[in-house]
């Protein structure tokens, strides 16, 4: 299944970087890895269907101590007491799995990169984790809510290295915009927002190329979050009605991973590497990231 998943992601990437999807009849032709995409998607869908069916019938159980994501989806009801259908559960589960694995993995790469190249950031992160978690063997929501420096570090990494830097939308209403309304956008126009560039604009961010997690810390007097120059200056998870459905899940997952790794491991960047951001489905390190990771001595 891992191989199928990898092939599907590769096919999506291959097609998304070409004009195929902008020409409707071309996108339906059995070329440009269309068969790989269709067959792989069908295989993954059947795999997820079986997982849902087995859980409903009690043939499988969560591997976690409490309810997992699938348990929560199966038990959820709307305001009228109606449960999700299997099709809805499958759609939500696939969204979390397919959209979350690639992006979360690459975000962790950039987190490691920053921690290994900014000693003061790693020091501040580790001091907070040791103070909040101490010798606890299990992370709790109370612990996580107190990791404000860790949260600020993650936010700043998402600013400089947004995991999904290209946001693609299609215009459904005619628009006129720009200075003196000179730019006309007709219905059907494909619009791409580049958050990698947006997050590095000097008119929106002081010292835009500098990694400074303190810009995200709350005011110690008012406990208010810093106010952005523009509400859409920061778009690591898009915005509005199409804001990433897995945002809170992803941030929680990454904070847990960050806390566990920093508390339990030492890591050092292997010298001589060329670290180059590369835009694919998500922002990855073009040549990967090599590190020596060892268990910390307590």
C-alpha atoms as a PDB file:
ATOM      1  CA  UNK A   1       0.000   0.000   0.000  1.00  0.00           C
ATOM      2  CA  UNK A   2       2.907   2.371   0.715  1.00  0.00           C
ATOM      3  CA  UNK A   3       4.144   1.823  -2.841  1.00  0.00           C
ATOM      4  CA  UNK A   4       0.705   2.573  -4.295  1.00  0.00           C
ATOM      5  CA  UNK A   5       0.414   5.692  -2.155  1.00  0.00           C
ATOM      6  CA  UNK A   6       3.842   6.913  -3.328  1.00  0.00           C
ATOM      7  CA  UNK A   7       2.964   6.269  -6.990  1.00  0.00           C
ATOM      8  CA  UNK A   8      -0.318   8.199  -6.661  1.00  0.00           C
ATOM      9  CA  UNK A   9       1.432  11.196  -5.099  1.00  0.00           C
ATOM     10  CA  UNK A  10       4.040  11.088  -7.866  1.00  0.00           C
ATOM     11  CA  UNK A  11       1.306  11.000 -10.530  1.00  0.00           C
ATOM     12  CA  UNK A  12      -0.521  13.937  -8.920  1.00  0.00           C
ATOM     13  CA  UNK A  13       2.727  15.908  -8.840  1.00  0.00           C
ATOM     14  CA  UNK A  14       3.559  15.015 -12.452  1.00  0.00           C
ATOM     15  CA  UNK A  15       0.166  16.181 -13.694  1.00  0.00           C
ATOM     16  CA  UNK A  16      -0.107  19.261 -11.473  1.00  0.00           C
ATOM     17  CA  UNK A  17       3.134  20.716 -12.863  1.00  0.00           C
ATOM     18  CA  UNK A  18       1.798  20.583 -16.412  1.00  0.00           C
ATOM     19  CA  UNK A  19      -1.076  22.296 -18.217  1.00  0.00           C
ATOM     20  CA  UNK A  20      -3.066  19.052 -18.445  1.00  0.00           C
ATOM     21  CA  UNK A  21      -5.591  19.945 -15.755  1.00  0.00           C
ATOM     22  CA  UNK A  22      -6.242  23.360 -17.309  1.00  0.00           C
ATOM     23  CA  UNK A  23      -7.583  21.774 -20.519  1.00  0.00           C
ATOM     24  CA  UNK A  24     -10.623  19.623 -19.582  1.00  0.00           C
ATOM     25  CA  UNK A  25     -10.563  17.144 -22.470  1.00  0.00           C
ATOM     26  CA  UNK A  26      -6.799  16.541 -22.060  1.00  0.00           C
ATOM     27  CA  UNK A  27      -7.194  15.726 -18.372  1.00  0.00           C
ATOM     28  CA  UNK A  28      -9.524  12.838 -19.277  1.00  0.00           C
ATOM     29  CA  UNK A  29      -7.181  11.166 -21.769  1.00  0.00           C
ATOM     30  CA  UNK A  30      -5.341   8.005 -20.590  1.00  0.00           C
ATOM     31  CA  UNK A  31      -1.922   9.623 -20.778  1.00  0.00           C
ATOM     32  CA  UNK A  32       0.450  11.486 -18.463  1.00  0.00           C
ATOM     33  CA  UNK A  33       0.152   8.883 -15.685  1.00  0.00           C
ATOM     34  CA  UNK A  34      -3.663   9.023 -15.715  1.00  0.00           C
ATOM     35  CA  UNK A  35      -3.924   5.224 -15.415  1.00  0.00           C
ATOM     36  CA  UNK A  36      -1.531   5.161 -12.458  1.00  0.00           C
ATOM     37  CA  UNK A  37      -3.590   7.859 -10.761  1.00  0.00           C
ATOM     38  CA  UNK A  38      -6.956   6.191 -11.409  1.00  0.00           C
ATOM     39  CA  UNK A  39      -5.860   2.651 -10.510  1.00  0.00           C
ATOM     40  CA  UNK A  40      -3.983   3.811  -7.427  1.00  0.00           C
ATOM     41  CA  UNK A  41      -6.899   5.919  -6.211  1.00  0.00           C
ATOM     42  CA  UNK A  42      -9.231   2.932  -6.631  1.00  0.00           C
ATOM     43  CA  UNK A  43      -6.853   0.652  -4.698  1.00  0.00           C
ATOM     44  CA  UNK A  44      -6.518   3.147  -1.850  1.00  0.00           C
ATOM     45  CA  UNK A  45     -10.300   3.672  -1.732  1.00  0.00           C
ATOM     46  CA  UNK A  46     -10.925  -0.093  -1.437  1.00  0.00           C
ATOM     47  CA  UNK A  47      -8.286  -0.344   1.281  1.00  0.00           C
ATOM     48  CA  UNK A  48      -9.952   2.433   3.299  1.00  0.00           C
ATOM     49  CA  UNK A  49     -13.413   0.914   2.711  1.00  0.00           C
ATOM     50  CA  UNK A  50     -12.228  -2.350   4.270  1.00  0.00           C
ATOM     51  CA  UNK A  51     -10.730  -0.561   7.283  1.00  0.00           C
ATOM     52  CA  UNK A  52     -14.014   1.290   7.904  1.00  0.00           C
ATOM     53  CA  UNK A  53     -16.087  -1.872   7.441  1.00  0.00           C
ATOM     54  CA  UNK A  54     -13.867  -3.911   9.791  1.00  0.00           C
ATOM     55  CA  UNK A  55     -14.043  -1.231  12.490  1.00  0.00           C
ATOM     56  CA  UNK A  56     -17.837  -0.927  12.199  1.00  0.00           C
ATOM     57  CA  UNK A  57     -18.233  -4.692  12.550  1.00  0.00           C
ATOM     58  CA  UNK A  58     -15.805  -4.901  15.461  1.00  0.00           C
ATOM     59  CA  UNK A  59     -13.205  -6.903  13.530  1.00  0.00           C
ATOM     60  CA  UNK A  60     -10.471  -4.377  14.371  1.00  0.00           C
ATOM     61  CA  UNK A  61      -9.665  -2.029  17.241  1.00  0.00           C
ATOM     62  CA  UNK A  62      -7.756   1.202  17.708  1.00  0.00           C
ATOM     63  CA  UNK A  63      -4.048   0.751  18.399  1.00  0.00           C
ATOM     64  CA  UNK A  64      -4.047   3.835  20.655  1.00  0.00           C
ATOM     65  CA  UNK A  65      -5.018   3.958  24.328  1.00  0.00           C
ATOM     66  CA  UNK A  66      -8.155   5.955  23.534  1.00  0.00           C
ATOM     67  CA  UNK A  67     -10.362   6.537  20.475  1.00  0.00           C
ATOM     68  CA  UNK A  68      -8.441   7.232  17.276  1.00  0.00           C
ATOM     69  CA  UNK A  69      -9.486   9.443  14.349  1.00  0.00           C
ATOM     70  CA  UNK A  70     -11.567   6.694  12.769  1.00  0.00           C
ATOM     71  CA  UNK A  71     -13.401   6.031  16.048  1.00  0.00           C
ATOM     72  CA  UNK A  72     -14.231   9.734  16.330  1.00  0.00           C
ATOM     73  CA  UNK A  73     -15.552   9.862  12.763  1.00  0.00           C
ATOM     74  CA  UNK A  74     -17.668   6.741  13.309  1.00  0.00           C
ATOM     75  CA  UNK A  75     -19.200   8.101  16.511  1.00  0.00           C
ATOM     76  CA  UNK A  76     -19.714  11.699  15.346  1.00  0.00           C
ATOM     77  CA  UNK A  77     -23.249  13.019  14.796  1.00  0.00           C
ATOM     78  CA  UNK A  78     -24.540  16.293  13.390  1.00  0.00           C
ATOM     79  CA  UNK A  79     -27.042  18.689  14.986  1.00  0.00           C
ATOM     80  CA  UNK A  80     -29.900  16.457  13.883  1.00  0.00           C
ATOM     81  CA  UNK A  81     -28.354  13.321  15.357  1.00  0.00           C
ATOM     82  CA  UNK A  82     -27.351  11.884  11.986  1.00  0.00           C
ATOM     83  CA  UNK A  83     -24.074   9.961  11.695  1.00  0.00           C
ATOM     84  CA  UNK A  84     -21.568  10.222   8.866  1.00  0.00           C
ATOM     85  CA  UNK A  85     -22.092   7.828   5.981  1.00  0.00           C
ATOM     86  CA  UNK A  86     -19.249   5.467   5.092  1.00  0.00           C
ATOM     87  CA  UNK A  87     -18.602   7.592   2.005  1.00  0.00           C
ATOM     88  CA  UNK A  88     -18.262  10.746   4.113  1.00  0.00           C
ATOM     89  CA  UNK A  89     -15.999   8.990   6.615  1.00  0.00           C
ATOM     90  CA  UNK A  90     -13.822   7.720   3.766  1.00  0.00           C
ATOM     91  CA  UNK A  91     -13.561  11.207   2.266  1.00  0.00           C
ATOM     92  CA  UNK A  92     -12.511  12.746   5.594  1.00  0.00           C
ATOM     93  CA  UNK A  93     -10.065   9.931   6.371  1.00  0.00           C
ATOM     94  CA  UNK A  94      -8.443  10.176   2.938  1.00  0.00           C
ATOM     95  CA  UNK A  95      -8.118  13.937   3.339  1.00  0.00           C
ATOM     96  CA  UNK A  96      -6.192  13.538   6.591  1.00  0.00           C
ATOM     97  CA  UNK A  97      -4.014  10.701   5.313  1.00  0.00           C
ATOM     98  CA  UNK A  98      -3.195  11.866   1.779  1.00  0.00           C
ATOM     99  CA  UNK A  99      -2.945  15.578   2.533  1.00  0.00           C
ATOM    100  CA  UNK A 100      -1.294  15.121   5.909  1.00  0.00           C
ATOM    101  CA  UNK A 101       1.488  12.592   5.425  1.00  0.00           C
ATOM    102  CA  UNK A 102       3.499  14.389   2.724  1.00  0.00           C
ATOM    103  CA  UNK A 103       3.097  17.843   4.268  1.00  0.00           C
ATOM    104  CA  UNK A 104       3.755  16.856   7.889  1.00  0.00           C
ATOM    105  CA  UNK A 105       6.832  14.856   6.911  1.00  0.00           C
ATOM    106  CA  UNK A 106       8.336  17.768   5.008  1.00  0.00           C
ATOM    107  CA  UNK A 107       7.469  20.233   7.771  1.00  0.00           C
ATOM    108  CA  UNK A 108       9.410  18.045  10.225  1.00  0.00           C
ATOM    109  CA  UNK A 109      12.419  18.202   7.890  1.00  0.00           C
ATOM    110  CA  UNK A 110      12.412  22.013   8.047  1.00  0.00           C
ATOM    111  CA  UNK A 111      11.934  21.915  11.824  1.00  0.00           C
ATOM    112  CA  UNK A 112      15.020  19.720  12.194  1.00  0.00           C
ATOM    113  CA  UNK A 113      16.934  21.963   9.791  1.00  0.00           C
ATOM    114  CA  UNK A 114      16.189  25.110  11.799  1.00  0.00           C
ATOM    115  CA  UNK A 115      16.940  23.461  15.153  1.00  0.00           C
ATOM    116  CA  UNK A 116      20.267  22.125  13.863  1.00  0.00           C
ATOM    117  CA  UNK A 117      21.350  25.450  12.364  1.00  0.00           C
ATOM    118  CA  UNK A 118      20.085  27.806  15.100  1.00  0.00           C
ATOM    119  CA  UNK A 119      21.527  26.812  18.468  1.00  0.00           C
ATOM    120  CA  UNK A 120      19.642  29.510  20.386  1.00  0.00           C
ATOM    121  CA  UNK A 121      16.329  28.252  18.986  1.00  0.00           C
ATOM    122  CA  UNK A 122      17.048  24.667  20.023  1.00  0.00           C
ATOM    123  CA  UNK A 123      18.159  25.871  23.470  1.00  0.00           C
ATOM    124  CA  UNK A 124      14.960  27.885  24.040  1.00  0.00           C
ATOM    125  CA  UNK A 125      12.815  25.014  22.764  1.00  0.00           C
ATOM    126  CA  UNK A 126      14.515  22.401  24.953  1.00  0.00           C
ATOM    127  CA  UNK A 127      14.422  24.569  28.077  1.00  0.00           C
ATOM    128  CA  UNK A 128      10.676  25.104  27.701  1.00  0.00           C
ATOM    129  CA  UNK A 129      10.015  21.409  27.069  1.00  0.00           C
ATOM    130  CA  UNK A 130      12.087  20.325  30.071  1.00  0.00           C
ATOM    131  CA  UNK A 131      10.333  22.869  32.275  1.00  0.00           C
ATOM    132  CA  UNK A 132       6.803  22.012  31.147  1.00  0.00           C
ATOM    133  CA  UNK A 133       7.039  18.267  30.693  1.00  0.00           C
ATOM    134  CA  UNK A 134       9.775  17.502  33.235  1.00  0.00           C
ATOM    135  CA  UNK A 135       9.956  13.745  33.784  1.00  0.00           C
ATOM    136  CA  UNK A 136       6.417  12.995  32.618  1.00  0.00           C
ATOM    137  CA  UNK A 137       6.213   9.871  30.513  1.00  0.00           C
ATOM    138  CA  UNK A 138       3.055  10.945  28.713  1.00  0.00           C
ATOM    139  CA  UNK A 139       2.185  14.221  27.018  1.00  0.00           C
ATOM    140  CA  UNK A 140      -1.163  15.752  27.954  1.00  0.00           C
ATOM    141  CA  UNK A 141      -3.231  18.585  26.498  1.00  0.00           C
ATOM    142  CA  UNK A 142      -2.201  20.691  29.488  1.00  0.00           C
ATOM    143  CA  UNK A 143       1.470  20.171  28.627  1.00  0.00           C
ATOM    144  CA  UNK A 144       0.927  21.050  24.971  1.00  0.00           C
ATOM    145  CA  UNK A 145      -1.006  24.239  25.744  1.00  0.00           C
ATOM    146  CA  UNK A 146       1.972  25.518  27.748  1.00  0.00           C
ATOM    147  CA  UNK A 147       4.520  24.981  24.969  1.00  0.00           C
ATOM    148  CA  UNK A 148       4.224  28.544  23.664  1.00  0.00           C
ATOM    149  CA  UNK A 149       7.822  28.809  22.448  1.00  0.00           C
ATOM    150  CA  UNK A 150       7.477  25.536  20.550  1.00  0.00           C
ATOM    151  CA  UNK A 151       4.298  26.869  18.959  1.00  0.00           C
ATOM    152  CA  UNK A 152       6.038  30.118  17.990  1.00  0.00           C
ATOM    153  CA  UNK A 153       8.925  28.172  16.441  1.00  0.00           C
ATOM    154  CA  UNK A 154       6.501  26.089  14.362  1.00  0.00           C
ATOM    155  CA  UNK A 155       4.684  29.239  13.196  1.00  0.00           C
ATOM    156  CA  UNK A 156       7.937  30.885  12.130  1.00  0.00           C
ATOM    157  CA  UNK A 157       9.075  27.770  10.273  1.00  0.00           C
ATOM    158  CA  UNK A 158       5.724  27.723   8.446  1.00  0.00           C
ATOM    159  CA  UNK A 159       6.319  31.357   7.529  1.00  0.00           C
ATOM    160  CA  UNK A 160       9.727  30.755   5.951  1.00  0.00           C
ATOM    161  CA  UNK A 161       9.024  27.225   4.736  1.00  0.00           C
ATOM    162  CA  UNK A 162       5.256  26.869   4.117  1.00  0.00           C
ATOM    163  CA  UNK A 163       4.596  23.197   3.477  1.00  0.00           C
ATOM    164  CA  UNK A 164       2.086  23.934   0.702  1.00  0.00           C
ATOM    165  CA  UNK A 165       3.474  27.102  -0.915  1.00  0.00           C
ATOM    166  CA  UNK A 166       1.186  27.138  -3.948  1.00  0.00           C
ATOM    167  CA  UNK A 167      -2.551  27.579  -3.393  1.00  0.00           C
ATOM    168  CA  UNK A 168      -4.576  27.056  -6.568  1.00  0.00           C
ATOM    169  CA  UNK A 169      -8.104  28.365  -6.985  1.00  0.00           C
ATOM    170  CA  UNK A 170     -10.436  28.871  -9.943  1.00  0.00           C
ATOM    171  CA  UNK A 171     -12.426  32.094 -10.240  1.00  0.00           C
ATOM    172  CA  UNK A 172     -16.192  31.463 -10.119  1.00  0.00           C
ATOM    173  CA  UNK A 173     -17.240  35.128 -10.301  1.00  0.00           C
ATOM    174  CA  UNK A 174     -15.924  37.905 -12.497  1.00  0.00           C
ATOM    175  CA  UNK A 175     -13.549  40.265 -10.672  1.00  0.00           C
ATOM    176  CA  UNK A 176     -11.791  43.547 -11.272  1.00  0.00           C
ATOM    177  CA  UNK A 177      -8.874  44.363  -9.008  1.00  0.00           C
ATOM    178  CA  UNK A 178      -5.540  46.168  -8.756  1.00  0.00           C
ATOM    179  CA  UNK A 179      -4.699  49.867  -8.637  1.00  0.00           C
ATOM    180  CA  UNK A 180      -7.380  51.775 -10.573  1.00  0.00           C
ATOM    181  CA  UNK A 181      -9.139  48.433 -11.193  1.00  0.00           C
ATOM    182  CA  UNK A 182      -7.027  47.786 -14.274  1.00  0.00           C
ATOM    183  CA  UNK A 183      -6.857  44.002 -13.818  1.00  0.00           C
ATOM    184  CA  UNK A 184      -9.857  42.057 -15.091  1.00  0.00           C
ATOM    185  CA  UNK A 185     -10.230  38.409 -13.975  1.00  0.00           C
ATOM    186  CA  UNK A 186     -12.862  36.488 -15.962  1.00  0.00           C
ATOM    187  CA  UNK A 187     -14.778  33.457 -14.716  1.00  0.00           C
ATOM    188  CA  UNK A 188     -12.774  30.244 -14.988  1.00  0.00           C
ATOM    189  CA  UNK A 189      -9.378  31.876 -14.529  1.00  0.00           C
ATOM    190  CA  UNK A 190      -6.884  29.736 -12.603  1.00  0.00           C
ATOM    191  CA  UNK A 191      -5.281  31.790  -9.816  1.00  0.00           C
ATOM    192  CA  UNK A 192      -2.175  30.691  -7.912  1.00  0.00           C
ATOM    193  CA  UNK A 193      -1.102  32.245  -4.608  1.00  0.00           C
ATOM    194  CA  UNK A 194       2.567  31.765  -3.698  1.00  0.00           C
ATOM    195  CA  UNK A 195       2.800  31.852   0.107  1.00  0.00           C
ATOM    196  CA  UNK A 196       6.584  31.275  -0.001  1.00  0.00           C
ATOM    197  CA  UNK A 197       6.972  34.722  -1.598  1.00  0.00           C
ATOM    198  CA  UNK A 198       4.097  36.256   0.375  1.00  0.00           C
ATOM    199  CA  UNK A 199       5.692  35.292   3.702  1.00  0.00           C
ATOM    200  CA  UNK A 200       8.979  36.947   2.712  1.00  0.00           C
ATOM    201  CA  UNK A 201       7.663  40.341   1.615  1.00  0.00           C
ATOM    202  CA  UNK A 202       9.433  43.197   3.386  1.00  0.00           C
ATOM    203  CA  UNK A 203       6.289  45.352   3.400  1.00  0.00           C
ATOM    204  CA  UNK A 204       4.475  42.684   5.421  1.00  0.00           C
ATOM    205  CA  UNK A 205       7.244  41.317   7.634  1.00  0.00           C
ATOM    206  CA  UNK A 206      10.072  43.141   9.421  1.00  0.00           C
ATOM    207  CA  UNK A 207      13.400  41.397   8.686  1.00  0.00           C
ATOM    208  CA  UNK A 208      11.546  38.940   6.413  1.00  0.00           C
ATOM    209  CA  UNK A 209      14.473  36.581   5.751  1.00  0.00           C
ATOM    210  CA  UNK A 210      15.503  36.327   9.395  1.00  0.00           C
ATOM    211  CA  UNK A 211      14.268  33.422  11.504  1.00  0.00           C
ATOM    212  CA  UNK A 212      12.763  35.083  14.570  1.00  0.00           C
ATOM    213  CA  UNK A 213      10.268  32.984  16.502  1.00  0.00           C
ATOM    214  CA  UNK A 214       9.749  35.797  19.034  1.00  0.00           C
ATOM    215  CA  UNK A 215       7.587  37.634  16.495  1.00  0.00           C
ATOM    216  CA  UNK A 216       4.871  35.066  17.331  1.00  0.00           C
ATOM    217  CA  UNK A 217       5.004  35.275  21.124  1.00  0.00           C
ATOM    218  CA  UNK A 218       2.074  36.793  22.985  1.00  0.00           C
ATOM    219  CA  UNK A 219       2.415  40.190  24.646  1.00  0.00           C
ATOM    220  CA  UNK A 220       3.384  39.431  28.283  1.00  0.00           C
ATOM    221  CA  UNK A 221       1.205  42.313  29.543  1.00  0.00           C
ATOM    222  CA  UNK A 222      -1.976  41.727  27.547  1.00  0.00           C
ATOM    223  CA  UNK A 223      -1.522  38.042  26.577  1.00  0.00           C
ATOM    224  CA  UNK A 224      -2.662  39.009  23.073  1.00  0.00           C
ATOM    225  CA  UNK A 225      -1.291  37.405  19.933  1.00  0.00           C
ATOM    226  CA  UNK A 226       0.790  39.653  17.635  1.00  0.00           C
ATOM    227  CA  UNK A 227      -1.294  41.451  15.024  1.00  0.00           C
ATOM    228  CA  UNK A 228      -0.381  40.911  11.386  1.00  0.00           C
ATOM    229  CA  UNK A 229       0.074  43.844   9.017  1.00  0.00           C
ATOM    230  CA  UNK A 230      -2.625  42.273   6.832  1.00  0.00           C
ATOM    231  CA  UNK A 231      -5.041  39.446   7.751  1.00  0.00           C
ATOM    232  CA  UNK A 232      -3.888  37.468   4.705  1.00  0.00           C
ATOM    233  CA  UNK A 233      -0.160  38.073   5.161  1.00  0.00           C
ATOM    234  CA  UNK A 234       0.244  34.572   6.614  1.00  0.00           C
ATOM    235  CA  UNK A 235      -1.309  31.673   4.700  1.00  0.00           C
ATOM    236  CA  UNK A 236       0.370  28.359   5.577  1.00  0.00           C
ATOM    237  CA  UNK A 237      -3.050  26.665   5.612  1.00  0.00           C
ATOM    238  CA  UNK A 238      -4.878  28.914   3.123  1.00  0.00           C
ATOM    239  CA  UNK A 239      -7.858  30.907   4.455  1.00  0.00           C
ATOM    240  CA  UNK A 240     -11.597  31.399   4.327  1.00  0.00           C
ATOM    241  CA  UNK A 241     -14.000  28.588   3.495  1.00  0.00           C
ATOM    242  CA  UNK A 242     -11.163  26.581   1.924  1.00  0.00           C
ATOM    243  CA  UNK A 243      -8.926  26.785   4.972  1.00  0.00           C
ATOM    244  CA  UNK A 244      -7.175  23.432   5.497  1.00  0.00           C
ATOM    245  CA  UNK A 245      -9.547  21.105   7.371  1.00  0.00           C
ATOM    246  CA  UNK A 246      -6.588  19.370   9.005  1.00  0.00           C
ATOM    247  CA  UNK A 247      -4.862  22.507  10.315  1.00  0.00           C
ATOM    248  CA  UNK A 248      -5.458  21.926  14.027  1.00  0.00           C
ATOM    249  CA  UNK A 249      -4.731  18.218  13.693  1.00  0.00           C
ATOM    250  CA  UNK A 250      -1.449  18.903  11.859  1.00  0.00           C
ATOM    251  CA  UNK A 251      -0.269  21.565  14.329  1.00  0.00           C
ATOM    252  CA  UNK A 252      -1.047  19.294  17.273  1.00  0.00           C
ATOM    253  CA  UNK A 253       0.725  16.359  15.626  1.00  0.00           C
ATOM    254  CA  UNK A 254       3.830  18.417  14.835  1.00  0.00           C
ATOM    255  CA  UNK A 255       3.987  19.933  18.322  1.00  0.00           C
ATOM    256  CA  UNK A 256       3.892  16.437  19.855  1.00  0.00           C
ATOM    257  CA  UNK A 257       6.652  15.211  17.528  1.00  0.00           C
ATOM    258  CA  UNK A 258       8.763  18.296  18.227  1.00  0.00           C
ATOM    259  CA  UNK A 259       8.422  17.897  22.003  1.00  0.00           C
ATOM    260  CA  UNK A 260       9.242  14.184  21.923  1.00  0.00           C
ATOM    261  CA  UNK A 261      12.285  14.504  19.667  1.00  0.00           C
ATOM    262  CA  UNK A 262      13.784  17.513  21.453  1.00  0.00           C
ATOM    263  CA  UNK A 263      13.272  15.951  24.878  1.00  0.00           C
ATOM    264  CA  UNK A 264      14.596  12.505  23.986  1.00  0.00           C
ATOM    265  CA  UNK A 265      17.140  13.028  21.190  1.00  0.00           C
ATOM    266  CA  UNK A 266      20.207  14.984  20.170  1.00  0.00           C
ATOM    267  CA  UNK A 267      20.624  15.722  16.478  1.00  0.00           C
ATOM    268  CA  UNK A 268      23.437  17.190  14.445  1.00  0.00           C
ATOM    269  CA  UNK A 269      23.478  18.209  10.795  1.00  0.00           C
ATOM    270  CA  UNK A 270      25.799  16.157   8.595  1.00  0.00           C
ATOM    271  CA  UNK A 271      28.268  18.720   7.143  1.00  0.00           C
ATOM    272  CA  UNK A 272      28.740  19.421   3.444  1.00  0.00           C
ATOM    273  CA  UNK A 273      25.077  19.274   2.445  1.00  0.00           C
ATOM    274  CA  UNK A 274      23.333  21.585   0.021  1.00  0.00           C
ATOM    275  CA  UNK A 275      19.918  22.429   1.461  1.00  0.00           C
ATOM    276  CA  UNK A 276      17.708  23.763  -1.311  1.00  0.00           C
ATOM    277  CA  UNK A 277      13.928  24.324  -0.983  1.00  0.00           C
ATOM    278  CA  UNK A 278      12.114  22.563  -3.820  1.00  0.00           C
ATOM    279  CA  UNK A 279       8.446  23.084  -4.623  1.00  0.00           C
ATOM    280  CA  UNK A 280       6.601  19.862  -5.407  1.00  0.00           C
ATOM    281  CA  UNK A 281       3.216  18.992  -3.877  1.00  0.00           C
ATOM    282  CA  UNK A 282       4.748  20.389  -0.716  1.00  0.00           C
ATOM    283  CA  UNK A 283       7.950  22.307  -0.012  1.00  0.00           C
ATOM    284  CA  UNK A 284      10.698  19.735   0.440  1.00  0.00           C
ATOM    285  CA  UNK A 285      14.478  19.721   0.674  1.00  0.00           C
ATOM    286  CA  UNK A 286      15.572  18.972  -2.901  1.00  0.00           C
ATOM    287  CA  UNK A 287      18.469  16.715  -1.913  1.00  0.00           C
ATOM    288  CA  UNK A 288      17.020  15.555   1.401  1.00  0.00           C
ATOM    289  CA  UNK A 289      18.403  16.281   4.862  1.00  0.00           C
ATOM    290  CA  UNK A 290      21.001  14.082   6.551  1.00  0.00           C
ATOM    291  CA  UNK A 291      21.382  14.204  10.313  1.00  0.00           C
ATOM    292  CA  UNK A 292      23.020  12.202  13.072  1.00  0.00           C
ATOM    293  CA  UNK A 293      20.338  11.467  15.685  1.00  0.00           C
ATOM    294  CA  UNK A 294      21.201   9.888  19.030  1.00  0.00           C
ATOM    295  CA  UNK A 295      19.215   9.212  22.176  1.00  0.00           C
ATOM    296  CA  UNK A 296      19.877  11.786  24.893  1.00  0.00           C
ATOM    297  CA  UNK A 297      21.601  10.613  28.037  1.00  0.00           C
ATOM    298  CA  UNK A 298      19.514  11.401  31.139  1.00  0.00           C
END
